[in-house]
Structure formats: C-alpha cells, structure tokens
Amino acid sequence: MHYVELYETQGKFMYKKIIKAFFTAGIFLTAILLSYGYFLTNILSDTAIPDKLLHGNAFYIIQDNPFFDYARIKDAVHAARNPSVIAIGSSRVLPFRESFFTKSFANLGYGIGSISDMEKTYQILKERKKEGKEELDIILFGIDFWWFSNGYDDAILGDPPRWYTPLKYLPVFSTIRECLLPYKKIWLKPGYLKSLVIPYFQDVFMVQDGSYPLNIAGIGPDGSGYYTDIVVGKRKSDIRFGETLQAIWEGHFHFSRVKKINLAYVDKFMENVKKLRSLHKNIIFFFPPLANPVYTELRSREAEYQHVFSLKQILEERGIVVHDYSSLSSFGSNDCEMVDGFHGGDVSYARILLHLAAASPQVKGVINEPYLREVTEEFSGNAMIPDKRVTLDPEVDFLELQCAKGRRRSASH
C-alpha cells in the first residue's frame, strides 16, 4: 500500500511538472511570436527602414514583403525627397518612376489599400503643409474599383458593437493585435510563410554599389516598385492571366461581384478626397489598366461588376474627373506590357503619362516628355524599362503570350 501511495504521489508530481513545463514553454513561445510580430510590423517599417531612407544615398531596393507597413515606409520616402510630384494609390501606381518627370518625385503607392487608408496619406501631406513646404505641383491618384466592393472596407460601414469593443482600443490590446497581424496574414494566405522568415535571415536592404545588379523585386529610393523576378522569368505569376480570370469566375479576391455600388463607400471616398484637396488642389484621378482578357471578361459580366463600369459616372457626378485607363486600347498599350492581369508595367505607365499630358497642361509641365516618347518607342511590347542597377537579365515572355521582347531600335544614349 505504501508503494502504491508513493507511486501515485510521484505520478501527480510528474504530472504537475509536465503541465508547468508546457505552460512555461507556451509563455516563452508566445513572447517570441509577439516580439517577432512587433519587429515585422513596427521596428522594420517604423524605424529601421525609414532610417536607411533618410540617411542613405546609394541606390537600393527594399525587398517586397507582405508584413511591412508601407504607409510608414512611404512616409519616410516622402520626407527624404521633398517631392514636387507624387503618385498615390495601391501597388497599381508603383511603375511611375522619378525618371518619368522633370521635377522631384516620390511614389507613395502601396500606401492606400482601401478607402479608409486614404487617411494615412492625408496625414503625410498634412505634416508637409505644417512644415511650410511648397504645395505639390501634381498628385497622381490611381483608384482601384474593388475599394467600392461590398464588405471590402468594413471600417466605413462600422463594426457591429460587441462586448469586447471597448477593450480592443486599449493600448495593450492594440499592440497585441499589431503583433499578431503577420500571423493572421499567414492564416489567410499560407504562401506568406516564406516571407515571414526572410527579414530575419536576409537583409531587407539590397544596396547597389556598382559592382552587381540587384535582380530582385521590391521598392526603390523614389518609392517606385520593381517586378524584376517576374519579368526576367525567375518567378512565374498569372500565366496568360489565368489566376486573375479564375478570380473573376469565382468572384473572389479583388473581383467580388457588385450589382449595385454601396453609396456609403462613395460618400467616404468623397470625404477623404475633400480633405486631400484642402491641402493640394491639383489631383489627377485615373483608373489603372487591366489586361485585355480581364477587361473583356468583366465587360461580359457588366451587370455583376457595376463598380468597374459605373464608378466613373458616379464620381464625375460628384465633381471628380476620372481618366479611365481600364482598357489598354484607350492609351495605346497591349497585353505584352502588363505584369499580370491588373498590374501594368513601366512602359504602359509611361504611355499613361503621355496620354494624360495631352489632356492636362499641369501634367505636361512636369513630365520628361522626350524620355517617355523614347522609351515607349524603344521598349514597346515590354513591361520593363531596363535599368542596369536593377538587372542585366533580359525581359522574357514571362506571361507566355508569344510576346516579342527586347529593344525595337538602338538606344540613342
């Protein structure tokens, strides 16, 4: 009996030790995950990257990563450059580059992923005004139709009240939510798992010292974006626009169906535009391009995609003139100049500026027109305008559309 009691006592003791060990390990693992989440969402985006931007002179590329807070990064780009011309919007305005303009330029693309995100850009420009800097000559504003999709931006409609609503605004809970954001993104898109570890094992800054090209995708010093790995054939994406077309057929991702635009989204958009216009008057609005098969497919389902085809009229009735470049034929581009189904390349965006300049004296006054005409002729049918700092690899037929790539004539410089 004595041995039985001793065995039971030892068993309970071991059981408690195991529970304690698991509990300690859980706390330790949680601390590590939260710390790394904080590193990704705050330190890199809010401290390390801006410090590099403000104090570095070399050409560099910040490797693309879904966990960075691009609004913070683009704030630093703006502060470092004090531009006269800026581009704002999502990743679909990233091809605008400093070389396209005769005046100082900063690309704040990626900073606006929804209508609610416009507030972040407003705060950047408000700070500029507060510092007494000159008014911007031009703001190029790319509008994405999916911002007006039902349910895309729940903050506009207001979250339904829950018992924990007051708690989530407390600083400690707000910080925890920020730290958990990277893991939420992985849950929603497991493919992001690789991106989670890149900042730890590899410097996010790839600096070009003249001895080698960077050959990676990411953000350059002017804030513009590079899709180098795709266009030189190192990474496959949206072959023959199949992934984008699939999203339309299934009605998901950026292509959820909208039979009638919720005017609450339009009203909030107009409210934010009014705030931007209170700081800077010259805002040029446009719809970025779609690949021809994507545009054609959406047009065939026009009743299900009212936010694609009726948004221009709705905004113009409220005093916003929108240049619609959804169709590539509207500005002389083609599928070979696209990066994927809804991202145009360098050449297509050079064409957009030339088309805008024909309609707007303000745009004509800030663009490098001879350069734009030269590159659109030389690299017609290409997505990339070559840059030896970025890559020495030639562009390939990465979309597998039977596109002829390369220069159309010898460069004059």
Foldseek 3Di string as FASTA:
>chain_A
DVVVVVVVVVVVVVVVVVVVVVVVVVVVVLVVLLVLLCCQEDCVQQPVLLVCLQPPDFKKFQFDAPSHQLLSNLLSLCVNFVWLEEEEEALQVQLDDCQFWPTTYAYSHNQDPALVSLVSVLVSLVVCVVVVRDFRLEYEYADALLNQPPPPCVVLVPDDDDPCVVVCPPPVNVSSCSSCVVVVVCVVPVVSVVSSCCVVPHPSIDGQPPPAAAQHWGAISRRHTDPRCLQLQVDADCALVVVVVVCCVVCDDSRNWDQDGDCSRVVSSVVSVVSVCVSHPHYAYEHREFAPVNVVVCVVVVNRHVSLPVVQVVVVVVPHHYHYCHDVVVQVAHNLQCSHGGHGANLSVLSVLVVVVVVDVSSVVITPVVVSVQQNQFWHSHRDDDDRNHDPRFGDSSSPPPTDGGTPDDDPD
